[in-house]
Every structure is written in structure tokens, then in C-alpha cells.
PDB file of N, CA and C in Angstrom:
ATOM      1  N   MET A   1       6.946  19.260 -22.437  1.00  0.00           N
ATOM      2  CA  MET A   1       7.661  18.747 -21.353  1.00  0.00           C
ATOM      3  C   MET A   1       6.983  17.387 -21.061  1.00  0.00           C
ATOM      4  N   LYS A   2       7.881  16.443 -20.815  1.00  0.00           N
ATOM      5  CA  LYS A   2       7.361  15.042 -20.409  1.00  0.00           C
ATOM      6  C   LYS A   2       8.149  14.516 -19.272  1.00  0.00           C
ATOM      7  N   PHE A   3       7.450  14.071 -18.152  1.00  0.00           N
ATOM      8  CA  PHE A   3       8.150  13.391 -17.104  1.00  0.00           C
ATOM      9  C   PHE A   3       8.671  12.075 -17.527  1.00  0.00           C
ATOM     10  N   THR A   4       9.964  11.848 -17.101  1.00  0.00           N
ATOM     11  CA  THR A   4      10.563  10.613 -17.574  1.00  0.00           C
ATOM     12  C   THR A   4      10.880   9.586 -16.486  1.00  0.00           C
ATOM     13  N   ASP A   5      11.319  10.082 -15.307  1.00  0.00           N
ATOM     14  CA  ASP A   5      11.730   8.987 -14.282  1.00  0.00           C
ATOM     15  C   ASP A   5      11.940   9.689 -13.008  1.00  0.00           C
ATOM     16  N   VAL A   6      12.095   8.873 -11.915  1.00  0.00           N
ATOM     17  CA  VAL A   6      12.488   9.354 -10.626  1.00  0.00           C
ATOM     18  C   VAL A   6      13.976   8.833 -10.429  1.00  0.00           C
ATOM     19  N   GLY A   7      14.898   9.694  -9.988  1.00  0.00           N
ATOM     20  CA  GLY A   7      16.238   9.379  -9.828  1.00  0.00           C
ATOM     21  C   GLY A   7      16.616   9.182  -8.406  1.00  0.00           C
ATOM     22  N   PHE A   8      17.356   8.141  -8.114  1.00  0.00           N
ATOM     23  CA  PHE A   8      17.816   7.812  -6.703  1.00  0.00           C
ATOM     24  C   PHE A   8      19.393   7.927  -6.632  1.00  0.00           C
ATOM     25  N   ILE A   9      19.778   8.817  -5.829  1.00  0.00           N
ATOM     26  CA  ILE A   9      21.223   8.986  -5.597  1.00  0.00           C
ATOM     27  C   ILE A   9      21.615   7.972  -4.493  1.00  0.00           C
ATOM     28  N   THR A  10      22.541   7.179  -4.700  1.00  0.00           N
ATOM     29  CA  THR A  10      22.953   6.158  -3.755  1.00  0.00           C
ATOM     30  C   THR A  10      24.450   5.858  -3.768  1.00  0.00           C
ATOM     31  N   ASP A  11      24.899   5.188  -2.650  1.00  0.00           N
ATOM     32  CA  ASP A  11      26.349   4.777  -2.695  1.00  0.00           C
ATOM     33  C   ASP A  11      26.444   3.322  -3.027  1.00  0.00           C
ATOM     34  N   ASP A  12      25.306   2.641  -3.406  1.00  0.00           N
ATOM     35  CA  ASP A  12      25.295   1.252  -3.885  1.00  0.00           C
ATOM     36  C   ASP A  12      24.223   0.986  -4.910  1.00  0.00           C
ATOM     37  N   VAL A  13      24.602   1.318  -6.130  1.00  0.00           N
ATOM     38  CA  VAL A  13      23.611   1.102  -7.301  1.00  0.00           C
ATOM     39  C   VAL A  13      23.211  -0.305  -7.447  1.00  0.00           C
ATOM     40  N   PRO A  14      24.038  -1.349  -7.332  1.00  0.00           N
ATOM     41  CA  PRO A  14      23.545  -2.643  -7.505  1.00  0.00           C
ATOM     42  C   PRO A  14      22.544  -3.174  -6.417  1.00  0.00           C
ATOM     43  N   ARG A  15      22.749  -2.678  -5.148  1.00  0.00           N
ATOM     44  CA  ARG A  15      21.846  -2.983  -4.078  1.00  0.00           C
ATOM     45  C   ARG A  15      20.393  -2.407  -4.373  1.00  0.00           C
ATOM     46  N   ILE A  16      20.330  -1.111  -4.606  1.00  0.00           N
ATOM     47  CA  ILE A  16      19.035  -0.431  -4.792  1.00  0.00           C
ATOM     48  C   ILE A  16      18.390  -0.904  -6.103  1.00  0.00           C
ATOM     49  N   ARG A  17      19.209  -1.140  -7.110  1.00  0.00           N
ATOM     50  CA  ARG A  17      18.745  -1.706  -8.341  1.00  0.00           C
ATOM     51  C   ARG A  17      17.988  -3.063  -8.130  1.00  0.00           C
ATOM     52  N   ALA A  18      18.662  -3.969  -7.384  1.00  0.00           N
ATOM     53  CA  ALA A  18      18.103  -5.295  -7.112  1.00  0.00           C
ATOM     54  C   ALA A  18      16.737  -5.116  -6.340  1.00  0.00           C
ATOM     55  N   PHE A  19      16.691  -4.161  -5.361  1.00  0.00           N
ATOM     56  CA  PHE A  19      15.443  -4.018  -4.572  1.00  0.00           C
ATOM     57  C   PHE A  19      14.312  -3.598  -5.483  1.00  0.00           C
ATOM     58  N   TYR A  20      14.520  -2.582  -6.360  1.00  0.00           N
ATOM     59  CA  TYR A  20      13.459  -2.148  -7.219  1.00  0.00           C
ATOM     60  C   TYR A  20      13.154  -3.249  -8.333  1.00  0.00           C
ATOM     61  N   GLU A  21      14.002  -3.994  -8.758  1.00  0.00           N
ATOM     62  CA  GLU A  21      13.803  -5.128  -9.703  1.00  0.00           C
ATOM     63  C   GLU A  21      12.902  -6.142  -9.026  1.00  0.00           C
ATOM     64  N   ALA A  22      13.089  -6.433  -7.762  1.00  0.00           N
ATOM     65  CA  ALA A  22      12.298  -7.385  -6.940  1.00  0.00           C
ATOM     66  C   ALA A  22      10.863  -6.911  -6.742  1.00  0.00           C
ATOM     67  N   VAL A  23      10.803  -5.581  -6.331  1.00  0.00           N
ATOM     68  CA  VAL A  23       9.533  -4.976  -6.019  1.00  0.00           C
ATOM     69  C   VAL A  23       8.619  -4.909  -7.279  1.00  0.00           C
ATOM     70  N   PHE A  24       9.162  -4.380  -8.355  1.00  0.00           N
ATOM     71  CA  PHE A  24       8.298  -4.121  -9.515  1.00  0.00           C
ATOM     72  C   PHE A  24       8.488  -4.985 -10.641  1.00  0.00           C
ATOM     73  N   GLY A  25       9.398  -5.843 -10.600  1.00  0.00           N
ATOM     74  CA  GLY A  25       9.605  -6.823 -11.732  1.00  0.00           C
ATOM     75  C   GLY A  25      10.437  -6.141 -12.763  1.00  0.00           C
ATOM     76  N   GLY A  26      10.877  -6.834 -13.748  1.00  0.00           N
ATOM     77  CA  GLY A  26      11.658  -6.252 -14.835  1.00  0.00           C
ATOM     78  C   GLY A  26      13.177  -6.323 -14.515  1.00  0.00           C
ATOM     79  N   LYS A  27      13.925  -5.933 -15.498  1.00  0.00           N
ATOM     80  CA  LYS A  27      15.366  -5.981 -15.421  1.00  0.00           C
ATOM     81  C   LYS A  27      15.889  -4.551 -15.772  1.00  0.00           C
ATOM     82  N   ALA A  28      16.699  -4.038 -14.847  1.00  0.00           N
ATOM     83  CA  ALA A  28      17.360  -2.688 -15.087  1.00  0.00           C
ATOM     84  C   ALA A  28      18.485  -2.844 -16.045  1.00  0.00           C
ATOM     85  N   GLU A  29      18.703  -1.828 -16.832  1.00  0.00           N
ATOM     86  CA  GLU A  29      19.873  -1.742 -17.706  1.00  0.00           C
ATOM     87  C   GLU A  29      20.929  -0.760 -17.178  1.00  0.00           C
ATOM     88  N   GLY A  30      22.177  -1.119 -17.230  1.00  0.00           N
ATOM     89  CA  GLY A  30      23.235  -0.246 -16.782  1.00  0.00           C
ATOM     90  C   GLY A  30      24.335  -0.971 -16.130  1.00  0.00           C
ATOM     91  N   ASN A  31      25.006  -0.233 -15.287  1.00  0.00           N
ATOM     92  CA  ASN A  31      26.163  -0.822 -14.636  1.00  0.00           C
ATOM     93  C   ASN A  31      26.202  -0.433 -13.129  1.00  0.00           C
ATOM     94  N   LYS A  32      27.420  -0.565 -12.447  1.00  0.00           N
ATOM     95  CA  LYS A  32      27.525  -0.215 -11.076  1.00  0.00           C
ATOM     96  C   LYS A  32      27.448   1.248 -10.707  1.00  0.00           C
ATOM     97  N   HIS A  33      27.507   2.067 -11.822  1.00  0.00           N
ATOM     98  CA  HIS A  33      27.535   3.553 -11.667  1.00  0.00           C
ATOM     99  C   HIS A  33      26.177   4.197 -11.931  1.00  0.00           C
ATOM    100  N   HIS A  34      25.465   3.511 -12.862  1.00  0.00           N
ATOM    101  CA  HIS A  34      24.151   4.113 -13.348  1.00  0.00           C
ATOM    102  C   HIS A  34      23.305   3.070 -13.888  1.00  0.00           C
ATOM    103  N   ALA A  35      22.066   2.971 -13.538  1.00  0.00           N
ATOM    104  CA  ALA A  35      21.130   1.965 -14.043  1.00  0.00           C
ATOM    105  C   ALA A  35      19.818   2.517 -14.236  1.00  0.00           C
ATOM    106  N   SER A  36      18.945   2.043 -15.183  1.00  0.00           N
ATOM    107  CA  SER A  36      17.586   2.505 -15.239  1.00  0.00           C
ATOM    108  C   SER A  36      16.651   1.284 -15.404  1.00  0.00           C
ATOM    109  N   LEU A  37      15.478   1.411 -14.856  1.00  0.00           N
ATOM    110  CA  LEU A  37      14.457   0.445 -14.852  1.00  0.00           C
ATOM    111  C   LEU A  37      13.167   1.025 -15.378  1.00  0.00           C
ATOM    112  N   ALA A  38      12.610   0.463 -16.353  1.00  0.00           N
ATOM    113  CA  ALA A  38      11.247   0.932 -16.838  1.00  0.00           C
ATOM    114  C   ALA A  38      10.307  -0.120 -16.698  1.00  0.00           C
ATOM    115  N   VAL A  39       9.168   0.197 -15.942  1.00  0.00           N
ATOM    116  CA  VAL A  39       8.061  -0.821 -15.669  1.00  0.00           C
ATOM    117  C   VAL A  39       6.728  -0.099 -15.849  1.00  0.00           C
ATOM    118  N   ASP A  40       5.877  -0.470 -16.740  1.00  0.00           N
ATOM    119  CA  ASP A  40       4.579  -0.037 -16.960  1.00  0.00           C
ATOM    120  C   ASP A  40       4.476   1.523 -17.048  1.00  0.00           C
ATOM    121  N   GLY A  41       5.293   2.035 -17.709  1.00  0.00           N
ATOM    122  CA  GLY A  41       5.377   3.594 -17.839  1.00  0.00           C
ATOM    123  C   GLY A  41       6.061   4.314 -16.756  1.00  0.00           C
ATOM    124  N   MET A  42       6.562   3.623 -15.744  1.00  0.00           N
ATOM    125  CA  MET A  42       7.342   4.229 -14.611  1.00  0.00           C
ATOM    126  C   MET A  42       8.851   4.091 -14.995  1.00  0.00           C
ATOM    127  N   GLY A  43       9.583   5.099 -14.659  1.00  0.00           N
ATOM    128  CA  GLY A  43      10.974   5.101 -14.898  1.00  0.00           C
ATOM    129  C   GLY A  43      11.693   5.340 -13.574  1.00  0.00           C
ATOM    130  N   PHE A  44      12.657   4.484 -13.285  1.00  0.00           N
ATOM    131  CA  PHE A  44      13.499   4.602 -12.115  1.00  0.00           C
ATOM    132  C   PHE A  44      14.995   4.647 -12.653  1.00  0.00           C
ATOM    133  N   THR A  45      15.767   5.684 -12.099  1.00  0.00           N
ATOM    134  CA  THR A  45      17.152   5.729 -12.407  1.00  0.00           C
ATOM    135  C   THR A  45      17.965   5.736 -11.202  1.00  0.00           C
ATOM    136  N   PHE A  46      19.041   4.914 -11.126  1.00  0.00           N
ATOM    137  CA  PHE A  46      19.817   4.765  -9.945  1.00  0.00           C
ATOM    138  C   PHE A  46      21.232   5.309 -10.305  1.00  0.00           C
ATOM    139  N   LEU A  47      21.627   6.307  -9.489  1.00  0.00           N
ATOM    140  CA  LEU A  47      22.813   7.083  -9.805  1.00  0.00           C
ATOM    141  C   LEU A  47      23.809   6.979  -8.605  1.00  0.00           C
ATOM    142  N   GLU A  48      24.986   6.510  -8.990  1.00  0.00           N
ATOM    143  CA  GLU A  48      26.003   6.481  -7.923  1.00  0.00           C
ATOM    144  C   GLU A  48      26.434   7.915  -7.491  1.00  0.00           C
ATOM    145  N   GLN A  49      26.503   8.077  -6.203  1.00  0.00           N
ATOM    146  CA  GLN A  49      26.838   9.379  -5.518  1.00  0.00           C
ATOM    147  C   GLN A  49      28.090   9.909  -6.214  1.00  0.00           C
ATOM    148  N   LYS A  50      29.102   9.192  -6.373  1.00  0.00           N
ATOM    149  CA  LYS A  50      30.335   9.735  -6.868  1.00  0.00           C
ATOM    150  C   LYS A  50      30.592   8.989  -8.236  1.00  0.00           C
ATOM    151  N   ASN A  51      29.684   9.299  -9.115  1.00  0.00           N
ATOM    152  CA  ASN A  51      29.708   8.746 -10.486  1.00  0.00           C
ATOM    153  C   ASN A  51      30.821   9.347 -11.162  1.00  0.00           C
ATOM    154  N   PRO A  52      31.656   8.565 -12.003  1.00  0.00           N
ATOM    155  CA  PRO A  52      32.751   9.024 -12.609  1.00  0.00           C
ATOM    156  C   PRO A  52      32.388  10.191 -13.694  1.00  0.00           C
ATOM    157  N   ALA A  53      31.139  10.276 -14.234  1.00  0.00           N
ATOM    158  CA  ALA A  53      30.777  11.219 -15.131  1.00  0.00           C
ATOM    159  C   ALA A  53      30.169  12.466 -14.511  1.00  0.00           C
ATOM    160  N   PHE A  54      29.517  12.344 -13.423  1.00  0.00           N
ATOM    161  CA  PHE A  54      28.851  13.407 -12.739  1.00  0.00           C
ATOM    162  C   PHE A  54      29.045  13.213 -11.201  1.00  0.00           C
ATOM    163  N   TYR A  55      28.798  14.342 -10.436  1.00  0.00           N
ATOM    164  CA  TYR A  55      28.907  14.166  -9.067  1.00  0.00           C
ATOM    165  C   TYR A  55      27.508  14.618  -8.518  1.00  0.00           C
ATOM    166  N   TYR A  56      26.947  13.698  -7.789  1.00  0.00           N
ATOM    167  CA  TYR A  56      25.573  13.937  -7.194  1.00  0.00           C
ATOM    168  C   TYR A  56      25.781  14.040  -5.666  1.00  0.00           C
ATOM    169  N   GLU A  57      25.109  14.948  -5.010  1.00  0.00           N
ATOM    170  CA  GLU A  57      25.191  15.104  -3.568  1.00  0.00           C
ATOM    171  C   GLU A  57      24.066  14.296  -2.969  1.00  0.00           C
ATOM    172  N   GLN A  58      24.486  13.482  -2.016  1.00  0.00           N
ATOM    173  CA  GLN A  58      23.472  12.671  -1.208  1.00  0.00           C
ATOM    174  C   GLN A  58      23.354  13.251   0.202  1.00  0.00           C
ATOM    175  N   THR A  59      22.088  13.350   0.586  1.00  0.00           N
ATOM    176  CA  THR A  59      21.887  13.841   1.935  1.00  0.00           C
ATOM    177  C   THR A  59      21.623  12.656   2.908  1.00  0.00           C
ATOM    178  N   GLU A  60      21.626  12.963   4.213  1.00  0.00           N
ATOM    179  CA  GLU A  60      21.381  12.022   5.191  1.00  0.00           C
ATOM    180  C   GLU A  60      19.927  11.468   5.130  1.00  0.00           C
ATOM    181  N   GLY A  61      19.802  10.205   5.016  1.00  0.00           N
ATOM    182  CA  GLY A  61      18.503   9.496   5.005  1.00  0.00           C
ATOM    183  C   GLY A  61      17.549   9.962   3.858  1.00  0.00           C
ATOM    184  N   ALA A  62      16.299   9.790   3.973  1.00  0.00           N
ATOM    185  CA  ALA A  62      15.382  10.064   2.977  1.00  0.00           C
ATOM    186  C   ALA A  62      15.237  11.596   2.742  1.00  0.00           C
ATOM    187  N   SER A  63      15.049  12.033   1.585  1.00  0.00           N
ATOM    188  CA  SER A  63      15.077  13.460   1.295  1.00  0.00           C
ATOM    189  C   SER A  63      13.554  13.961   1.270  1.00  0.00           C
ATOM    190  N   ASN A  64      12.736  13.632   2.198  1.00  0.00           N
ATOM    191  CA  ASN A  64      11.426  14.093   2.296  1.00  0.00           C
ATOM    192  C   ASN A  64      10.508  13.774   1.126  1.00  0.00           C
ATOM    193  N   ILE A  65      10.767  12.680   0.505  1.00  0.00           N
ATOM    194  CA  ILE A  65      10.010  12.235  -0.736  1.00  0.00           C
ATOM    195  C   ILE A  65       9.362  10.907  -0.336  1.00  0.00           C
ATOM    196  N   ILE A  66       8.058  10.788  -0.736  1.00  0.00           N
ATOM    197  CA  ILE A  66       7.345   9.481  -0.575  1.00  0.00           C
ATOM    198  C   ILE A  66       6.822   9.245  -1.975  1.00  0.00           C
ATOM    199  N   LEU A  67       7.148   8.035  -2.448  1.00  0.00           N
ATOM    200  CA  LEU A  67       6.714   7.477  -3.734  1.00  0.00           C
ATOM    201  C   LEU A  67       5.531   6.688  -3.438  1.00  0.00           C
ATOM    202  N   THR A  68       4.401   6.992  -4.169  1.00  0.00           N
ATOM    203  CA  THR A  68       3.005   6.364  -3.833  1.00  0.00           C
ATOM    204  C   THR A  68       2.675   5.600  -5.124  1.00  0.00           C
ATOM    205  N   PHE A  69       2.083   4.345  -4.796  1.00  0.00           N
ATOM    206  CA  PHE A  69       1.659   3.450  -5.897  1.00  0.00           C
ATOM    207  C   PHE A  69       0.284   2.902  -5.537  1.00  0.00           C
ATOM    208  N   ASN A  70      -0.657   3.017  -6.461  1.00  0.00           N
ATOM    209  CA  ASN A  70      -1.978   2.425  -6.177  1.00  0.00           C
ATOM    210  C   ASN A  70      -1.947   0.938  -6.579  1.00  0.00           C
ATOM    211  N   ILE A  71      -2.488   0.098  -5.716  1.00  0.00           N
ATOM    212  CA  ILE A  71      -2.375  -1.420  -5.992  1.00  0.00           C
ATOM    213  C   ILE A  71      -3.852  -1.873  -5.628  1.00  0.00           C
ATOM    214  N   ASP A  72      -4.037  -3.165  -6.085  1.00  0.00           N
ATOM    215  CA  ASP A  72      -5.352  -3.738  -5.828  1.00  0.00           C
ATOM    216  C   ASP A  72      -5.512  -4.388  -4.475  1.00  0.00           C
ATOM    217  N   ASN A  73      -4.453  -5.096  -4.047  1.00  0.00           N
ATOM    218  CA  ASN A  73      -4.483  -5.866  -2.716  1.00  0.00           C
ATOM    219  C   ASN A  73      -3.314  -5.480  -1.803  1.00  0.00           C
ATOM    220  N   VAL A  74      -3.711  -4.612  -0.923  1.00  0.00           N
ATOM    221  CA  VAL A  74      -2.757  -4.101   0.039  1.00  0.00           C
ATOM    222  C   VAL A  74      -2.111  -5.211   0.844  1.00  0.00           C
ATOM    223  N   ASP A  75      -3.000  -6.047   1.365  1.00  0.00           N
ATOM    224  CA  ASP A  75      -2.474  -7.144   2.259  1.00  0.00           C
ATOM    225  C   ASP A  75      -1.488  -8.158   1.665  1.00  0.00           C
ATOM    226  N   ALA A  76      -1.888  -8.508   0.434  1.00  0.00           N
ATOM    227  CA  ALA A  76      -1.096  -9.419  -0.302  1.00  0.00           C
ATOM    228  C   ALA A  76       0.264  -8.759  -0.710  1.00  0.00           C
ATOM    229  N   GLU A  77       0.176  -7.569  -1.222  1.00  0.00           N
ATOM    230  CA  GLU A  77       1.476  -6.861  -1.562  1.00  0.00           C
ATOM    231  C   GLU A  77       2.343  -6.600  -0.346  1.00  0.00           C
ATOM    232  N   PHE A  78       1.741  -6.257   0.799  1.00  0.00           N
ATOM    233  CA  PHE A  78       2.515  -6.198   2.062  1.00  0.00           C
ATOM    234  C   PHE A  78       3.260  -7.426   2.330  1.00  0.00           C
ATOM    235  N   GLN A  79       2.626  -8.574   2.247  1.00  0.00           N
ATOM    236  CA  GLN A  79       3.223  -9.818   2.619  1.00  0.00           C
ATOM    237  C   GLN A  79       4.331 -10.171   1.633  1.00  0.00           C
ATOM    238  N   ARG A  80       4.134  -9.796   0.399  1.00  0.00           N
ATOM    239  CA  ARG A  80       5.161 -10.041  -0.672  1.00  0.00           C
ATOM    240  C   ARG A  80       6.376  -9.253  -0.366  1.00  0.00           C
ATOM    241  N   LEU A  81       6.259  -7.948  -0.099  1.00  0.00           N
ATOM    242  CA  LEU A  81       7.353  -7.075   0.124  1.00  0.00           C
ATOM    243  C   LEU A  81       8.082  -7.382   1.449  1.00  0.00           C
ATOM    244  N   VAL A  82       7.303  -7.887   2.511  1.00  0.00           N
ATOM    245  CA  VAL A  82       8.004  -8.289   3.738  1.00  0.00           C
ATOM    246  C   VAL A  82       8.843  -9.556   3.372  1.00  0.00           C
ATOM    247  N   SER A  83       8.295 -10.372   2.577  1.00  0.00           N
ATOM    248  CA  SER A  83       9.093 -11.661   2.178  1.00  0.00           C
ATOM    249  C   SER A  83      10.392 -11.303   1.466  1.00  0.00           C
ATOM    250  N   LEU A  84      10.470 -10.119   0.766  1.00  0.00           N
ATOM    251  CA  LEU A  84      11.664  -9.703   0.053  1.00  0.00           C
ATOM    252  C   LEU A  84      12.563  -8.961   1.021  1.00  0.00           C
ATOM    253  N   GLY A  85      12.206  -8.730   2.306  1.00  0.00           N
ATOM    254  CA  GLY A  85      13.087  -8.069   3.223  1.00  0.00           C
ATOM    255  C   GLY A  85      12.935  -6.575   3.364  1.00  0.00           C
ATOM    256  N   ALA A  86      11.845  -6.073   2.692  1.00  0.00           N
ATOM    257  CA  ALA A  86      11.565  -4.629   2.813  1.00  0.00           C
ATOM    258  C   ALA A  86      11.412  -4.183   4.259  1.00  0.00           C
ATOM    259  N   GLU A  87      11.897  -3.007   4.621  1.00  0.00           N
ATOM    260  CA  GLU A  87      11.855  -2.479   6.003  1.00  0.00           C
ATOM    261  C   GLU A  87      10.512  -1.854   6.111  1.00  0.00           C
ATOM    262  N   VAL A  88       9.675  -2.376   7.120  1.00  0.00           N
ATOM    263  CA  VAL A  88       8.296  -1.900   7.299  1.00  0.00           C
ATOM    264  C   VAL A  88       8.375  -0.569   8.120  1.00  0.00           C
ATOM    265  N   ARG A  89       7.703   0.389   7.578  1.00  0.00           N
ATOM    266  CA  ARG A  89       7.605   1.694   8.230  1.00  0.00           C
ATOM    267  C   ARG A  89       6.211   1.834   8.874  1.00  0.00           C
ATOM    268  N   CYS A  90       5.094   1.224   8.262  1.00  0.00           N
ATOM    269  CA  CYS A  90       3.839   1.300   8.682  1.00  0.00           C
ATOM    270  C   CYS A  90       3.038   0.126   8.163  1.00  0.00           C
ATOM    271  N   GLU A  91       2.546  -0.718   9.048  1.00  0.00           N
ATOM    272  CA  GLU A  91       1.684  -1.836   8.582  1.00  0.00           C
ATOM    273  C   GLU A  91       0.448  -1.456   7.903  1.00  0.00           C
ATOM    274  N   PRO A  92      -0.174  -2.358   7.195  1.00  0.00           N
ATOM    275  CA  PRO A  92      -1.425  -1.957   6.524  1.00  0.00           C
ATOM    276  C   PRO A  92      -2.561  -1.458   7.514  1.00  0.00           C
ATOM    277  N   LYS A  93      -3.124  -0.357   7.131  1.00  0.00           N
ATOM    278  CA  LYS A  93      -4.189   0.091   7.956  1.00  0.00           C
ATOM    279  C   LYS A  93      -5.256   0.778   6.992  1.00  0.00           C
ATOM    280  N   THR A  94      -6.534   0.830   7.450  1.00  0.00           N
ATOM    281  CA  THR A  94      -7.575   1.487   6.685  1.00  0.00           C
ATOM    282  C   THR A  94      -7.833   2.872   7.421  1.00  0.00           C
ATOM    283  N   HIS A  95      -7.749   3.835   6.537  1.00  0.00           N
ATOM    284  CA  HIS A  95      -7.889   5.214   6.997  1.00  0.00           C
ATOM    285  C   HIS A  95      -9.432   5.622   6.989  1.00  0.00           C
ATOM    286  N   PRO A  96      -9.750   6.634   7.785  1.00  0.00           N
ATOM    287  CA  PRO A  96     -11.196   7.082   7.873  1.00  0.00           C
ATOM    288  C   PRO A  96     -11.813   7.372   6.581  1.00  0.00           C
ATOM    289  N   TRP A  97     -11.031   7.800   5.510  1.00  0.00           N
ATOM    290  CA  TRP A  97     -11.528   8.196   4.235  1.00  0.00           C
ATOM    291  C   TRP A  97     -11.725   6.883   3.316  1.00  0.00           C
ATOM    292  N   GLY A  98     -11.325   5.704   3.799  1.00  0.00           N
ATOM    293  CA  GLY A  98     -11.600   4.550   3.086  1.00  0.00           C
ATOM    294  C   GLY A  98     -10.380   3.876   2.455  1.00  0.00           C
ATOM    295  N   ALA A  99      -9.360   4.667   2.245  1.00  0.00           N
ATOM    296  CA  ALA A  99      -8.138   4.138   1.672  1.00  0.00           C
ATOM    297  C   ALA A  99      -7.452   3.239   2.600  1.00  0.00           C
ATOM    298  N   ARG A 100      -6.799   2.181   2.117  1.00  0.00           N
ATOM    299  CA  ARG A 100      -6.012   1.242   2.907  1.00  0.00           C
ATOM    300  C   ARG A 100      -4.585   1.311   2.357  1.00  0.00           C
ATOM    301  N   SER A 101      -3.552   1.467   3.230  1.00  0.00           N
ATOM    302  CA  SER A 101      -2.219   1.633   2.789  1.00  0.00           C
ATOM    303  C   SER A 101      -1.156   1.161   3.818  1.00  0.00           C
ATOM    304  N   PHE A 102       0.018   0.967   3.297  1.00  0.00           N
ATOM    305  CA  PHE A 102       1.174   0.688   4.126  1.00  0.00           C
ATOM    306  C   PHE A 102       2.397   1.377   3.548  1.00  0.00           C
ATOM    307  N   GLN A 103       3.487   1.454   4.331  1.00  0.00           N
ATOM    308  CA  GLN A 103       4.767   2.039   3.829  1.00  0.00           C
ATOM    309  C   GLN A 103       5.875   1.172   4.192  1.00  0.00           C
ATOM    310  N   VAL A 104       6.813   1.076   3.333  1.00  0.00           N
ATOM    311  CA  VAL A 104       8.160   0.460   3.517  1.00  0.00           C
ATOM    312  C   VAL A 104       9.281   1.339   3.039  1.00  0.00           C
ATOM    313  N   SER A 105      10.479   1.004   3.470  1.00  0.00           N
ATOM    314  CA  SER A 105      11.550   1.856   3.026  1.00  0.00           C
ATOM    315  C   SER A 105      12.445   0.928   2.095  1.00  0.00           C
ATOM    316  N   ASP A 106      13.031   1.621   1.170  1.00  0.00           N
ATOM    317  CA  ASP A 106      13.950   0.972   0.247  1.00  0.00           C
ATOM    318  C   ASP A 106      15.316   0.839   1.032  1.00  0.00           C
ATOM    319  N   PRO A 107      16.348   0.200   0.442  1.00  0.00           N
ATOM    320  CA  PRO A 107      17.667   0.045   1.183  1.00  0.00           C
ATOM    321  C   PRO A 107      18.300   1.376   1.582  1.00  0.00           C
ATOM    322  N   ASP A 108      17.951   2.490   0.975  1.00  0.00           N
ATOM    323  CA  ASP A 108      18.586   3.751   1.204  1.00  0.00           C
ATOM    324  C   ASP A 108      17.643   4.630   2.169  1.00  0.00           C
ATOM    325  N   GLY A 109      16.509   4.112   2.604  1.00  0.00           N
ATOM    326  CA  GLY A 109      15.664   4.840   3.474  1.00  0.00           C
ATOM    327  C   GLY A 109      14.559   5.613   2.806  1.00  0.00           C
ATOM    328  N   ASN A 110      14.387   5.598   1.472  1.00  0.00           N
ATOM    329  CA  ASN A 110      13.427   6.332   0.813  1.00  0.00           C
ATOM    330  C   ASN A 110      11.993   5.664   1.138  1.00  0.00           C
ATOM    331  N   VAL A 111      10.944   6.378   1.246  1.00  0.00           N
ATOM    332  CA  VAL A 111       9.660   5.784   1.595  1.00  0.00           C
ATOM    333  C   VAL A 111       8.866   5.489   0.371  1.00  0.00           C
ATOM    334  N   LEU A 112       8.308   4.231   0.447  1.00  0.00           N
ATOM    335  CA  LEU A 112       7.391   3.806  -0.588  1.00  0.00           C
ATOM    336  C   LEU A 112       6.060   3.642  -0.014  1.00  0.00           C
ATOM    337  N   ASN A 113       5.050   4.190  -0.468  1.00  0.00           N
ATOM    338  CA  ASN A 113       3.665   4.113   0.036  1.00  0.00           C
ATOM    339  C   ASN A 113       2.788   3.406  -0.945  1.00  0.00           C
ATOM    340  N   PHE A 114       2.185   2.241  -0.567  1.00  0.00           N
ATOM    341  CA  PHE A 114       1.320   1.377  -1.346  1.00  0.00           C
ATOM    342  C   PHE A 114      -0.095   1.516  -0.778  1.00  0.00           C
ATOM    343  N   ARG A 115      -1.030   1.907  -1.721  1.00  0.00           N
ATOM    344  CA  ARG A 115      -2.465   2.059  -1.239  1.00  0.00           C
ATOM    345  C   ARG A 115      -3.526   1.553  -2.228  1.00  0.00           C
ATOM    346  N   ASN A 116      -4.589   1.347  -1.654  1.00  0.00           N
ATOM    347  CA  ASN A 116      -5.737   1.004  -2.449  1.00  0.00           C
ATOM    348  C   ASN A 116      -6.888   1.994  -2.081  1.00  0.00           C
ATOM    349  N   ILE A 117      -7.480   2.650  -3.162  1.00  0.00           N
ATOM    350  CA  ILE A 117      -8.447   3.646  -2.845  1.00  0.00           C
ATOM    351  C   ILE A 117      -9.739   3.022  -3.433  1.00  0.00           C
ATOM    352  N   PRO A 118     -10.707   2.967  -2.608  1.00  0.00           N
ATOM    353  CA  PRO A 118     -12.085   2.400  -3.088  1.00  0.00           C
ATOM    354  C   PRO A 118     -12.483   3.145  -4.291  1.00  0.00           C
ATOM    355  N   ARG A 119     -13.103   2.262  -5.228  1.00  0.00           N
ATOM    356  CA  ARG A 119     -13.687   2.918  -6.480  1.00  0.00           C
ATOM    357  C   ARG A 119     -14.607   3.998  -6.018  1.00  0.00           C
ATOM    358  N   GLY A 120     -14.747   5.084  -6.940  1.00  0.00           N
ATOM    359  CA  GLY A 120     -15.655   6.043  -6.675  1.00  0.00           C
ATOM    360  C   GLY A 120     -15.191   7.165  -5.669  1.00  0.00           C
ATOM    361  N   GLU A 121     -14.093   6.916  -5.188  1.00  0.00           N
ATOM    362  CA  GLU A 121     -13.540   7.969  -4.157  1.00  0.00           C
ATOM    363  C   GLU A 121     -12.599   8.975  -4.862  1.00  0.00           C
TER     364      GLU A 121
END
């Protein structure tokens, strides 16, 4: 078994596709119903809720999922994402265990957590 991607059910594939292309770079392949983005071994799939081929059920707001990414410079990445218009959920802060992180929401309300964990932790 091999993990392949995270799928996002949405009512606006082009909007969420553009957000993830801007955040992670790269160009997604697909159309207004279904698109996929592969970046550095990560896979993202964007699925229209009422896709002509399948029907996916979308729930209200985020579905209790947080996607976490380790990064080198929390403050620089925070500024970059804010400049892209990402909705800030929590500004950068350093936790008692030494990690520094912040959270933003994608256009559909899914939570993205970006953190830096000090080496040796």
C-alpha cells in the first residue's frame, strides 16, 4: 500500500487549485471538475462536489483535518502567504516545546499548519 494524495471536495475546483498552486508552486493538471497537483512528493487532488463522473459529499466547513508542513522560516512563509491573501487563523508563535508555527485556511476553510521544529527535537 502506498499513500498517494490528499483529496479536497469543493464547489470551486479552479479557486482551490489556484490557491494550492500559489502556496506550493507547480501547475496542477486537470479541468474545472477534477485537478491534481504534485509537488516534492506531495499529492493534492481537487474534486468537484457534483462531479459528472462521481458524487462527493461536502460537509459544512473544515472536516476536522489539519494539514501540517515543516518549513525552515516560519515568519517569512507567514508573510508570503498573507501576501497571497490566505486567511490567518493563528499568527506565528513559539510554543513551550520550541516549535514555532502558524495556521491559515484555504478558500474552503481547511486548516494548513506550517511549523519549524528545532533540530534535535
